[in-house]
Amino acid sequence: MNADAPEDVEDRALRALQEGERMKCARPVPIIGGADELAPAVEAAWAKAQAYWSKFLLLGAPVNGTASGSVAMIDLATRQVSLDLNLIRKRIARVTGLSACQAIARLEPAQFADIGAEYLDRTRAFRLTDRPYFVDKMPNNWMNVALIRMALPNATIIDARRHPMACGFSNFKQNYANGVGYSYSLETVGAFYRDYWRFMRHFNAVQPGAVHRAINERLIEDPEGEIRALLDFAGLPFDSACLESHANTRAVRTPSAEQVRKPINREGVDYWRHYEPWLDQLKHALGPALEGWES
C-alpha cells in the first residue's frame, strides 16, 4: 500500500481542523467592533491624559506565537511577571456601563487615575517581589492601549508582532479553552489581525514613539540586538540571561507553555506554508495587512 502524498495528508488535516472549528463555533464572530470604532476614541481622549503612575511594564500582543521571544526576555530582565489580565476593561464596564471605546471620550482625568490605582491594587497579588516592573501580556491589550496611556501613562508598551499568516494560522489551529471567538474561522482571524494592524498604525500616528514594536522574525535572526533595543526602550539594563530565556523555571499557564521552554528558534516561522494552498480565506481577510504588517 502506497503512503499518501504529503499534500494529501495536509489537505485532510486542514479539512478536519476546519470541521472541528465549525463544530466548536458554528457562527464565528470577531470579538470587537473593529478599528473604525477604536480610532476616533483615541483622538478624542488625549486632552484628558495626565502623567500620574509610577513604573509599570506592559506587553501587548495581538495573538499567540511571540511569547518565547518577547515575554520571557522582559520577564528575565525584571524577574517578575503577571498572569494575562484584562482588568481595565472590566473596570470600565462595571463603573460606566459603557464599552471602552465609548468611555475613553467621556471619562475625566480623576477617573482615569482611579482606574490606574485599582489596576495596580488588583495586580498586587501577582507581584511577588519589590522590583519596579512587571509584565501584563494580555494578548488583546492593543484594544486597551489608549486607555492604558491615560490610566497608566508611565507604562512601557511593547507591541509584539508576528507575520500575519504565521500568526493567523497559529491561532486557527490552537484549541483555546474559551473566549477567543475570532479564532474559529480563517476569515475572522484575518479580520481581527487586520483591525489590530490598522489600529496600531493609527495609534502610532497619533502618539509617535509611545510604543516599541518587537518583530518576532527579527528577534529570531538577531536576538541580542533586538533584546537590547527593547530593554533600552524600557529603561532596563541588558541581562545576558535574556538570551537563555528557556532556562527560566517559572510557571507558565498560557498556550505558550511548551514554546517558552525551548531556545529562540525558527521552528514555527514558516510552518504555515505547508498549508498555504488552503489559506486563501485568511489572505483575503488580511487585505493590506498581508504586505504592510511590519509598518
C-alpha atoms as a PDB file:
ATOM      1  CA  MET A   1       0.000   0.000   0.000  1.00  0.00           C
ATOM      2  CA  ASN A   2       1.477   3.310  -1.061  1.00  0.00           C
ATOM      3  CA  ALA A   3       1.890   6.056   1.501  1.00  0.00           C
ATOM      4  CA  ASP A   4      -0.199   9.160   0.951  1.00  0.00           C
ATOM      5  CA  ALA A   5       1.500  12.141  -0.646  1.00  0.00           C
ATOM      6  CA  PRO A   6       2.319  14.904   1.869  1.00  0.00           C
ATOM      7  CA  GLU A   7      -0.139  17.307   0.224  1.00  0.00           C
ATOM      8  CA  ASP A   8      -2.965  14.745   0.630  1.00  0.00           C
ATOM      9  CA  VAL A   9      -2.204  14.392   4.338  1.00  0.00           C
ATOM     10  CA  GLU A  10      -2.098  18.167   4.771  1.00  0.00           C
ATOM     11  CA  ASP A  11      -5.369  18.565   2.880  1.00  0.00           C
ATOM     12  CA  ARG A  12      -7.150  16.029   5.108  1.00  0.00           C
ATOM     13  CA  ALA A  13      -5.586  17.539   8.225  1.00  0.00           C
ATOM     14  CA  LEU A  14      -6.771  21.058   7.408  1.00  0.00           C
ATOM     15  CA  ARG A  15     -10.243  19.883   6.445  1.00  0.00           C
ATOM     16  CA  ALA A  16     -10.524  18.028   9.750  1.00  0.00           C
ATOM     17  CA  LEU A  17      -9.349  21.133  11.593  1.00  0.00           C
ATOM     18  CA  GLN A  18     -11.922  23.281   9.787  1.00  0.00           C
ATOM     19  CA  GLU A  19     -14.689  20.843  10.675  1.00  0.00           C
ATOM     20  CA  GLY A  20     -13.616  20.895  14.318  1.00  0.00           C
ATOM     21  CA  GLU A  21     -13.643  24.680  14.346  1.00  0.00           C
ATOM     22  CA  ARG A  22     -17.094  24.690  12.732  1.00  0.00           C
ATOM     23  CA  MET A  23     -18.431  22.346  15.400  1.00  0.00           C
ATOM     24  CA  LYS A  24     -16.957  24.419  18.214  1.00  0.00           C
ATOM     25  CA  CYS A  25     -18.331  27.699  16.974  1.00  0.00           C
ATOM     26  CA  ALA A  26     -20.897  27.395  14.211  1.00  0.00           C
ATOM     27  CA  ARG A  27     -21.228  31.179  13.824  1.00  0.00           C
ATOM     28  CA  PRO A  28     -17.807  32.734  14.476  1.00  0.00           C
ATOM     29  CA  VAL A  29     -17.930  36.449  15.233  1.00  0.00           C
ATOM     30  CA  PRO A  30     -14.966  38.801  15.855  1.00  0.00           C
ATOM     31  CA  ILE A  31     -14.892  39.918  19.468  1.00  0.00           C
ATOM     32  CA  ILE A  32     -14.512  43.630  18.678  1.00  0.00           C
ATOM     33  CA  GLY A  33     -16.340  46.258  16.706  1.00  0.00           C
ATOM     34  CA  GLY A  34     -13.230  46.979  14.678  1.00  0.00           C
ATOM     35  CA  ALA A  35     -10.618  49.647  14.190  1.00  0.00           C
ATOM     36  CA  ASP A  36     -13.247  52.107  12.934  1.00  0.00           C
ATOM     37  CA  GLU A  37     -14.701  52.349  16.446  1.00  0.00           C
ATOM     38  CA  LEU A  38     -11.359  52.455  18.241  1.00  0.00           C
ATOM     39  CA  ALA A  39      -9.558  55.105  16.197  1.00  0.00           C
ATOM     40  CA  PRO A  40     -11.895  58.080  16.889  1.00  0.00           C
ATOM     41  CA  ALA A  41     -11.823  57.273  20.603  1.00  0.00           C
ATOM     42  CA  VAL A  42      -8.058  57.733  20.637  1.00  0.00           C
ATOM     43  CA  GLU A  43      -8.223  61.167  19.032  1.00  0.00           C
ATOM     44  CA  ALA A  44     -10.979  62.311  21.411  1.00  0.00           C
ATOM     45  CA  ALA A  45      -9.083  61.359  24.543  1.00  0.00           C
ATOM     46  CA  TRP A  46      -5.617  62.919  24.625  1.00  0.00           C
ATOM     47  CA  ALA A  47      -6.684  66.240  26.139  1.00  0.00           C
ATOM     48  CA  LYS A  48      -7.675  64.352  29.267  1.00  0.00           C
ATOM     49  CA  ALA A  49      -4.426  62.446  29.806  1.00  0.00           C
ATOM     50  CA  GLN A  50      -2.315  63.176  32.895  1.00  0.00           C
ATOM     51  CA  ALA A  51       1.006  61.649  33.997  1.00  0.00           C
ATOM     52  CA  TYR A  52       0.243  60.006  37.308  1.00  0.00           C
ATOM     53  CA  TRP A  53       1.557  56.489  37.959  1.00  0.00           C
ATOM     54  CA  SER A  54       4.995  55.100  38.660  1.00  0.00           C
ATOM     55  CA  LYS A  55       6.928  52.439  36.796  1.00  0.00           C
ATOM     56  CA  PHE A  56       4.988  49.706  35.053  1.00  0.00           C
ATOM     57  CA  LEU A  57       5.849  47.421  32.150  1.00  0.00           C
ATOM     58  CA  LEU A  58       3.130  46.334  29.741  1.00  0.00           C
ATOM     59  CA  LEU A  59       3.460  43.829  26.946  1.00  0.00           C
ATOM     60  CA  GLY A  60       0.717  43.723  24.346  1.00  0.00           C
ATOM     61  CA  ALA A  61       0.494  41.108  21.612  1.00  0.00           C
ATOM     62  CA  PRO A  62      -2.414  40.565  19.227  1.00  0.00           C
ATOM     63  CA  VAL A  63      -2.241  36.782  19.165  1.00  0.00           C
ATOM     64  CA  ASN A  64      -0.115  33.891  20.374  1.00  0.00           C
ATOM     65  CA  GLY A  65       3.296  32.962  18.996  1.00  0.00           C
ATOM     66  CA  THR A  66       5.625  35.637  20.354  1.00  0.00           C
ATOM     67  CA  ALA A  67       5.948  34.566  23.968  1.00  0.00           C
ATOM     68  CA  SER A  68       9.374  32.939  23.935  1.00  0.00           C
ATOM     69  CA  GLY A  69      10.847  35.876  22.082  1.00  0.00           C
ATOM     70  CA  SER A  70       9.250  38.756  23.948  1.00  0.00           C
ATOM     71  CA  VAL A  71       7.651  37.919  27.268  1.00  0.00           C
ATOM     72  CA  ALA A  72      10.445  35.710  28.504  1.00  0.00           C
ATOM     73  CA  MET A  73      13.198  38.214  27.831  1.00  0.00           C
ATOM     74  CA  ILE A  74      11.394  41.009  29.663  1.00  0.00           C
ATOM     75  CA  ASP A  75      10.487  38.593  32.425  1.00  0.00           C
ATOM     76  CA  LEU A  76      14.155  37.776  32.921  1.00  0.00           C
ATOM     77  CA  ALA A  77      15.164  41.416  32.971  1.00  0.00           C
ATOM     78  CA  THR A  78      12.576  42.238  35.611  1.00  0.00           C
ATOM     79  CA  ARG A  79      12.370  38.872  37.394  1.00  0.00           C
ATOM     80  CA  GLN A  80       8.657  39.362  37.758  1.00  0.00           C
ATOM     81  CA  VAL A  81       5.627  38.586  35.643  1.00  0.00           C
ATOM     82  CA  SER A  82       1.872  38.708  35.967  1.00  0.00           C
ATOM     83  CA  LEU A  83      -0.791  36.469  34.526  1.00  0.00           C
ATOM     84  CA  ASP A  84      -2.782  37.505  31.463  1.00  0.00           C
ATOM     85  CA  LEU A  85      -5.120  40.159  32.841  1.00  0.00           C
ATOM     86  CA  ASN A  86      -7.989  42.168  31.434  1.00  0.00           C
ATOM     87  CA  LEU A  87      -8.949  44.189  34.476  1.00  0.00           C
ATOM     88  CA  ILE A  88      -9.119  47.630  32.915  1.00  0.00           C
ATOM     89  CA  ARG A  89     -11.941  46.867  30.503  1.00  0.00           C
ATOM     90  CA  LYS A  90     -13.876  45.028  33.222  1.00  0.00           C
ATOM     91  CA  ARG A  91     -13.499  48.071  35.491  1.00  0.00           C
ATOM     92  CA  ILE A  92     -14.825  50.361  32.744  1.00  0.00           C
ATOM     93  CA  ALA A  93     -17.840  48.158  32.083  1.00  0.00           C
ATOM     94  CA  ARG A  94     -18.637  47.831  35.777  1.00  0.00           C
ATOM     95  CA  VAL A  95     -18.409  51.532  36.619  1.00  0.00           C
ATOM     96  CA  THR A  96     -19.810  53.169  33.489  1.00  0.00           C
ATOM     97  CA  GLY A  97     -21.837  50.534  31.689  1.00  0.00           C
ATOM     98  CA  LEU A  98     -20.076  51.661  28.508  1.00  0.00           C
ATOM     99  CA  SER A  99     -17.660  49.972  26.137  1.00  0.00           C
ATOM    100  CA  ALA A 100     -14.024  51.028  26.498  1.00  0.00           C
ATOM    101  CA  CYS A 101     -14.291  52.954  23.219  1.00  0.00           C
ATOM    102  CA  GLN A 102     -17.321  54.935  24.411  1.00  0.00           C
ATOM    103  CA  ALA A 103     -15.884  55.530  27.860  1.00  0.00           C
ATOM    104  CA  ILE A 104     -12.488  56.844  26.753  1.00  0.00           C
ATOM    105  CA  ALA A 105     -14.016  60.025  25.345  1.00  0.00           C
ATOM    106  CA  ARG A 106     -16.244  60.617  28.384  1.00  0.00           C
ATOM    107  CA  LEU A 107     -14.126  59.861  31.458  1.00  0.00           C
ATOM    108  CA  GLU A 108     -12.490  62.688  33.378  1.00  0.00           C
ATOM    109  CA  PRO A 109      -8.794  62.753  34.444  1.00  0.00           C
ATOM    110  CA  ALA A 110      -9.625  61.801  38.026  1.00  0.00           C
ATOM    111  CA  GLN A 111     -11.489  58.747  36.788  1.00  0.00           C
ATOM    112  CA  PHE A 112      -8.505  57.644  34.725  1.00  0.00           C
ATOM    113  CA  ALA A 113      -6.354  57.963  37.837  1.00  0.00           C
ATOM    114  CA  ASP A 114      -8.842  55.829  39.779  1.00  0.00           C
ATOM    115  CA  ILE A 115      -8.729  53.154  37.092  1.00  0.00           C
ATOM    116  CA  GLY A 116      -4.936  53.091  37.236  1.00  0.00           C
ATOM    117  CA  ALA A 117      -4.979  52.887  41.031  1.00  0.00           C
ATOM    118  CA  GLU A 118      -7.428  49.985  41.032  1.00  0.00           C
ATOM    119  CA  TYR A 119      -5.449  48.151  38.381  1.00  0.00           C
ATOM    120  CA  LEU A 120      -2.227  48.392  40.367  1.00  0.00           C
ATOM    121  CA  ASP A 121      -4.016  47.351  43.546  1.00  0.00           C
ATOM    122  CA  ARG A 122      -5.690  44.334  41.948  1.00  0.00           C
ATOM    123  CA  THR A 123      -2.459  43.154  40.324  1.00  0.00           C
ATOM    124  CA  ARG A 124      -0.531  43.400  43.582  1.00  0.00           C
ATOM    125  CA  ALA A 125      -1.198  39.724  44.335  1.00  0.00           C
ATOM    126  CA  PHE A 126       0.764  38.762  41.208  1.00  0.00           C
ATOM    127  CA  ARG A 127       3.754  40.976  42.010  1.00  0.00           C
ATOM    128  CA  LEU A 128       5.832  38.738  44.244  1.00  0.00           C
ATOM    129  CA  THR A 129       8.954  40.901  44.561  1.00  0.00           C
ATOM    130  CA  ASP A 130       9.720  44.560  45.169  1.00  0.00           C
ATOM    131  CA  ARG A 131      11.066  45.079  41.637  1.00  0.00           C
ATOM    132  CA  PRO A 132       9.583  48.142  39.908  1.00  0.00           C
ATOM    133  CA  TYR A 133       8.369  46.455  36.712  1.00  0.00           C
ATOM    134  CA  PHE A 134       6.005  43.617  35.937  1.00  0.00           C
ATOM    135  CA  VAL A 135       4.529  42.265  32.715  1.00  0.00           C
ATOM    136  CA  ASP A 136       0.886  42.138  31.705  1.00  0.00           C
ATOM    137  CA  LYS A 137       0.847  40.161  28.464  1.00  0.00           C
ATOM    138  CA  MET A 138      -2.869  40.030  27.802  1.00  0.00           C
ATOM    139  CA  PRO A 139      -2.959  39.393  24.018  1.00  0.00           C
ATOM    140  CA  ASN A 140      -5.824  41.810  23.386  1.00  0.00           C
ATOM    141  CA  ASN A 141      -4.241  44.723  25.250  1.00  0.00           C
ATOM    142  CA  TRP A 142      -3.883  46.543  21.925  1.00  0.00           C
ATOM    143  CA  MET A 143      -7.578  47.399  22.253  1.00  0.00           C
ATOM    144  CA  ASN A 144      -6.837  48.988  25.635  1.00  0.00           C
ATOM    145  CA  VAL A 145      -3.751  50.932  24.614  1.00  0.00           C
ATOM    146  CA  ALA A 146      -5.364  54.384  24.560  1.00  0.00           C
ATOM    147  CA  LEU A 147      -6.949  53.818  27.951  1.00  0.00           C
ATOM    148  CA  ILE A 148      -3.670  52.448  29.300  1.00  0.00           C
ATOM    149  CA  ARG A 149      -1.850  55.576  28.180  1.00  0.00           C
ATOM    150  CA  MET A 150      -4.212  57.655  30.286  1.00  0.00           C
ATOM    151  CA  ALA A 151      -4.721  55.414  33.307  1.00  0.00           C
ATOM    152  CA  LEU A 152      -1.072  54.258  33.429  1.00  0.00           C
ATOM    153  CA  PRO A 153       0.793  56.939  31.457  1.00  0.00           C
ATOM    154  CA  ASN A 154       4.244  55.786  32.578  1.00  0.00           C
ATOM    155  CA  ALA A 155       3.667  52.265  31.274  1.00  0.00           C
ATOM    156  CA  THR A 156       6.223  50.925  28.828  1.00  0.00           C
ATOM    157  CA  ILE A 157       4.210  49.464  25.951  1.00  0.00           C
ATOM    158  CA  ILE A 158       5.624  46.729  23.718  1.00  0.00           C
ATOM    159  CA  ASP A 159       3.816  45.690  20.548  1.00  0.00           C
ATOM    160  CA  ALA A 160       4.977  42.113  19.905  1.00  0.00           C
ATOM    161  CA  ARG A 161       4.233  41.269  16.279  1.00  0.00           C
ATOM    162  CA  ARG A 162       4.500  38.229  14.042  1.00  0.00           C
ATOM    163  CA  HIS A 163       3.946  37.613  10.314  1.00  0.00           C
ATOM    164  CA  PRO A 164       0.150  37.669   9.784  1.00  0.00           C
ATOM    165  CA  MET A 165      -0.006  34.312   8.010  1.00  0.00           C
ATOM    166  CA  ALA A 166       2.065  32.585  10.687  1.00  0.00           C
ATOM    167  CA  CYS A 167       0.130  34.335  13.415  1.00  0.00           C
ATOM    168  CA  GLY A 168      -3.259  33.699  11.830  1.00  0.00           C
ATOM    169  CA  PHE A 169      -2.706  30.019  11.161  1.00  0.00           C
ATOM    170  CA  SER A 170      -1.277  29.542  14.659  1.00  0.00           C
ATOM    171  CA  ASN A 171      -4.480  30.977  16.128  1.00  0.00           C
ATOM    172  CA  PHE A 172      -6.712  28.956  13.844  1.00  0.00           C
ATOM    173  CA  LYS A 173      -5.158  25.641  14.838  1.00  0.00           C
ATOM    174  CA  GLN A 174      -4.951  26.461  18.541  1.00  0.00           C
ATOM    175  CA  ASN A 175      -7.672  24.784  20.618  1.00  0.00           C
ATOM    176  CA  TYR A 176      -8.430  27.615  23.033  1.00  0.00           C
ATOM    177  CA  ALA A 177     -10.471  26.795  26.105  1.00  0.00           C
ATOM    178  CA  ASN A 178     -12.779  29.786  25.632  1.00  0.00           C
ATOM    179  CA  GLY A 179     -13.011  33.481  24.892  1.00  0.00           C
ATOM    180  CA  VAL A 180     -11.223  33.626  21.517  1.00  0.00           C
ATOM    181  CA  GLY A 181     -14.253  33.670  19.250  1.00  0.00           C
ATOM    182  CA  TYR A 182     -12.442  35.116  16.260  1.00  0.00           C
ATOM    183  CA  SER A 183     -10.116  32.091  16.023  1.00  0.00           C
ATOM    184  CA  TYR A 184     -12.743  29.683  14.693  1.00  0.00           C
ATOM    185  CA  SER A 185     -12.562  30.690  11.050  1.00  0.00           C
ATOM    186  CA  LEU A 186      -9.778  31.856   8.765  1.00  0.00           C
ATOM    187  CA  GLU A 187     -11.870  34.848   7.717  1.00  0.00           C
ATOM    188  CA  THR A 188     -12.397  36.184  11.241  1.00  0.00           C
ATOM    189  CA  VAL A 189      -8.787  35.504  12.243  1.00  0.00           C
ATOM    190  CA  GLY A 190      -7.674  37.628   9.293  1.00  0.00           C
ATOM    191  CA  ALA A 191     -10.206  40.372  10.057  1.00  0.00           C
ATOM    192  CA  PHE A 192      -9.040  40.507  13.666  1.00  0.00           C
ATOM    193  CA  TYR A 193      -5.364  40.842  12.697  1.00  0.00           C
ATOM    194  CA  ARG A 194      -6.240  43.482  10.096  1.00  0.00           C
ATOM    195  CA  ASP A 195      -8.104  45.533  12.688  1.00  0.00           C
ATOM    196  CA  TYR A 196      -5.162  45.227  15.102  1.00  0.00           C
ATOM    197  CA  TRP A 197      -2.744  46.348  12.387  1.00  0.00           C
ATOM    198  CA  ARG A 198      -4.933  49.272  11.302  1.00  0.00           C
ATOM    199  CA  PHE A 199      -5.491  50.478  14.835  1.00  0.00           C
ATOM    200  CA  MET A 200      -1.824  50.309  15.847  1.00  0.00           C
ATOM    201  CA  ARG A 201      -0.866  52.234  12.708  1.00  0.00           C
ATOM    202  CA  HIS A 202      -3.366  54.915  13.693  1.00  0.00           C
ATOM    203  CA  PHE A 203      -2.193  54.949  17.303  1.00  0.00           C
ATOM    204  CA  ASN A 204       1.426  55.323  16.249  1.00  0.00           C
ATOM    205  CA  ALA A 205       0.460  58.279  14.052  1.00  0.00           C
ATOM    206  CA  VAL A 206      -1.336  59.955  16.963  1.00  0.00           C
ATOM    207  CA  GLN A 207       1.255  59.036  19.605  1.00  0.00           C
ATOM    208  CA  PRO A 208       4.554  58.510  17.751  1.00  0.00           C
ATOM    209  CA  GLY A 209       7.223  56.824  19.829  1.00  0.00           C
ATOM    210  CA  ALA A 210       4.845  55.712  22.594  1.00  0.00           C
ATOM    211  CA  VAL A 211       5.020  52.039  21.621  1.00  0.00           C
ATOM    212  CA  HIS A 212       8.049  49.866  20.851  1.00  0.00           C
ATOM    213  CA  ARG A 213       7.392  47.311  18.122  1.00  0.00           C
ATOM    214  CA  ALA A 214       9.160  43.959  18.533  1.00  0.00           C
ATOM    215  CA  ILE A 215       9.072  41.883  15.332  1.00  0.00           C
ATOM    216  CA  ASN A 216       9.301  38.185  16.105  1.00  0.00           C
ATOM    217  CA  GLU A 217      11.182  37.279  12.919  1.00  0.00           C
ATOM    218  CA  ARG A 218      13.830  39.959  13.535  1.00  0.00           C
ATOM    219  CA  LEU A 219      14.265  38.745  17.084  1.00  0.00           C
ATOM    220  CA  ILE A 220      14.928  35.221  15.851  1.00  0.00           C
ATOM    221  CA  GLU A 221      17.592  36.468  13.418  1.00  0.00           C
ATOM    222  CA  ASP A 222      19.296  38.841  15.871  1.00  0.00           C
ATOM    223  CA  PRO A 223      18.266  38.012  19.448  1.00  0.00           C
ATOM    224  CA  GLU A 224      20.810  40.139  21.263  1.00  0.00           C
ATOM    225  CA  GLY A 225      20.354  43.205  19.068  1.00  0.00           C
ATOM    226  CA  GLU A 226      16.563  43.126  19.318  1.00  0.00           C
ATOM    227  CA  ILE A 227      16.573  42.392  23.038  1.00  0.00           C
ATOM    228  CA  ARG A 228      18.990  45.255  23.705  1.00  0.00           C
ATOM    229  CA  ALA A 229      16.771  47.649  21.733  1.00  0.00           C
ATOM    230  CA  LEU A 230      13.684  46.554  23.629  1.00  0.00           C
ATOM    231  CA  LEU A 231      15.314  46.809  27.044  1.00  0.00           C
ATOM    232  CA  ASP A 232      16.778  50.196  26.151  1.00  0.00           C
ATOM    233  CA  PHE A 233      13.284  51.430  25.285  1.00  0.00           C
ATOM    234  CA  ALA A 234      12.070  50.141  28.653  1.00  0.00           C
ATOM    235  CA  GLY A 235      14.966  51.787  30.506  1.00  0.00           C
ATOM    236  CA  LEU A 236      16.304  48.440  31.676  1.00  0.00           C
ATOM    237  CA  PRO A 237      19.911  47.216  31.649  1.00  0.00           C
ATOM    238  CA  PHE A 238      20.847  44.304  29.423  1.00  0.00           C
ATOM    239  CA  ASP A 239      20.996  40.950  31.180  1.00  0.00           C
ATOM    240  CA  SER A 240      22.730  38.061  29.400  1.00  0.00           C
ATOM    241  CA  ALA A 241      20.147  35.734  30.947  1.00  0.00           C
ATOM    242  CA  CYS A 242      17.683  37.170  28.422  1.00  0.00           C
ATOM    243  CA  LEU A 243      19.463  35.115  25.757  1.00  0.00           C
ATOM    244  CA  GLU A 244      18.681  31.966  27.741  1.00  0.00           C
ATOM    245  CA  SER A 245      15.016  32.657  28.446  1.00  0.00           C
ATOM    246  CA  HIS A 246      14.123  28.988  28.043  1.00  0.00           C
ATOM    247  CA  ALA A 247      16.096  28.216  31.211  1.00  0.00           C
ATOM    248  CA  ASN A 248      13.636  30.150  33.349  1.00  0.00           C
ATOM    249  CA  THR A 249      11.681  27.731  35.557  1.00  0.00           C
ATOM    250  CA  ARG A 250       8.705  29.964  36.358  1.00  0.00           C
ATOM    251  CA  ALA A 251       5.220  28.547  35.878  1.00  0.00           C
ATOM    252  CA  VAL A 252       3.571  29.308  32.526  1.00  0.00           C
ATOM    253  CA  ARG A 253      -0.212  28.966  32.211  1.00  0.00           C
ATOM    254  CA  THR A 254      -0.822  30.032  28.616  1.00  0.00           C
ATOM    255  CA  PRO A 255      -0.845  28.153  25.280  1.00  0.00           C
ATOM    256  CA  SER A 256       2.844  29.126  25.011  1.00  0.00           C
ATOM    257  CA  ALA A 257       3.828  26.907  27.946  1.00  0.00           C
ATOM    258  CA  GLU A 258       5.741  24.417  25.782  1.00  0.00           C
ATOM    259  CA  GLN A 259       7.166  27.039  23.439  1.00  0.00           C
ATOM    260  CA  VAL A 260       8.882  29.082  26.135  1.00  0.00           C
ATOM    261  CA  ARG A 261      10.872  26.045  27.313  1.00  0.00           C
ATOM    262  CA  LYS A 262      12.781  25.995  24.027  1.00  0.00           C
ATOM    263  CA  PRO A 263      15.608  28.296  22.927  1.00  0.00           C
ATOM    264  CA  ILE A 264      14.607  31.024  20.476  1.00  0.00           C
ATOM    265  CA  ASN A 265      14.381  29.254  17.112  1.00  0.00           C
ATOM    266  CA  ARG A 266      12.861  29.324  13.618  1.00  0.00           C
ATOM    267  CA  GLU A 267      10.783  26.195  14.173  1.00  0.00           C
ATOM    268  CA  GLY A 268       7.389  27.825  13.692  1.00  0.00           C
ATOM    269  CA  VAL A 269       8.286  30.686  11.355  1.00  0.00           C
ATOM    270  CA  ASP A 270       7.269  29.033   8.080  1.00  0.00           C
ATOM    271  CA  TYR A 271       5.073  26.222   9.397  1.00  0.00           C
ATOM    272  CA  TRP A 272       2.006  27.849   7.856  1.00  0.00           C
ATOM    273  CA  ARG A 273       3.472  27.436   4.367  1.00  0.00           C
ATOM    274  CA  HIS A 274       2.741  23.686   4.458  1.00  0.00           C
ATOM    275  CA  TYR A 275      -0.945  24.659   4.355  1.00  0.00           C
ATOM    276  CA  GLU A 276      -0.721  27.740   2.142  1.00  0.00           C
ATOM    277  CA  PRO A 277      -2.851  26.289  -0.698  1.00  0.00           C
ATOM    278  CA  TRP A 278      -5.800  26.164   1.731  1.00  0.00           C
ATOM    279  CA  LEU A 279      -5.331  29.583   3.349  1.00  0.00           C
ATOM    280  CA  ASP A 280      -6.783  31.872   0.682  1.00  0.00           C
ATOM    281  CA  GLN A 281      -9.581  32.989   3.012  1.00  0.00           C
ATOM    282  CA  LEU A 282      -7.006  34.169   5.525  1.00  0.00           C
ATOM    283  CA  LYS A 283      -5.023  36.043   2.870  1.00  0.00           C
ATOM    284  CA  HIS A 284      -8.139  37.772   1.549  1.00  0.00           C
ATOM    285  CA  ALA A 285      -9.296  38.796   5.016  1.00  0.00           C
ATOM    286  CA  LEU A 286      -5.892  40.257   5.881  1.00  0.00           C
ATOM    287  CA  GLY A 287      -6.055  42.613   2.912  1.00  0.00           C
ATOM    288  CA  PRO A 288      -3.315  45.283   3.001  1.00  0.00           C
ATOM    289  CA  ALA A 289      -2.012  43.951   6.328  1.00  0.00           C
ATOM    290  CA  LEU A 290      -0.543  40.984   4.473  1.00  0.00           C
ATOM    291  CA  GLU A 291       2.073  43.166   2.785  1.00  0.00           C
ATOM    292  CA  GLY A 292       2.253  46.074   5.224  1.00  0.00           C
ATOM    293  CA  TRP A 293       2.257  44.172   8.526  1.00  0.00           C
ATOM    294  CA  GLU A 294       5.673  45.459   9.678  1.00  0.00           C
ATOM    295  CA  SER A 295       4.585  49.117   9.366  1.00  0.00           C
END
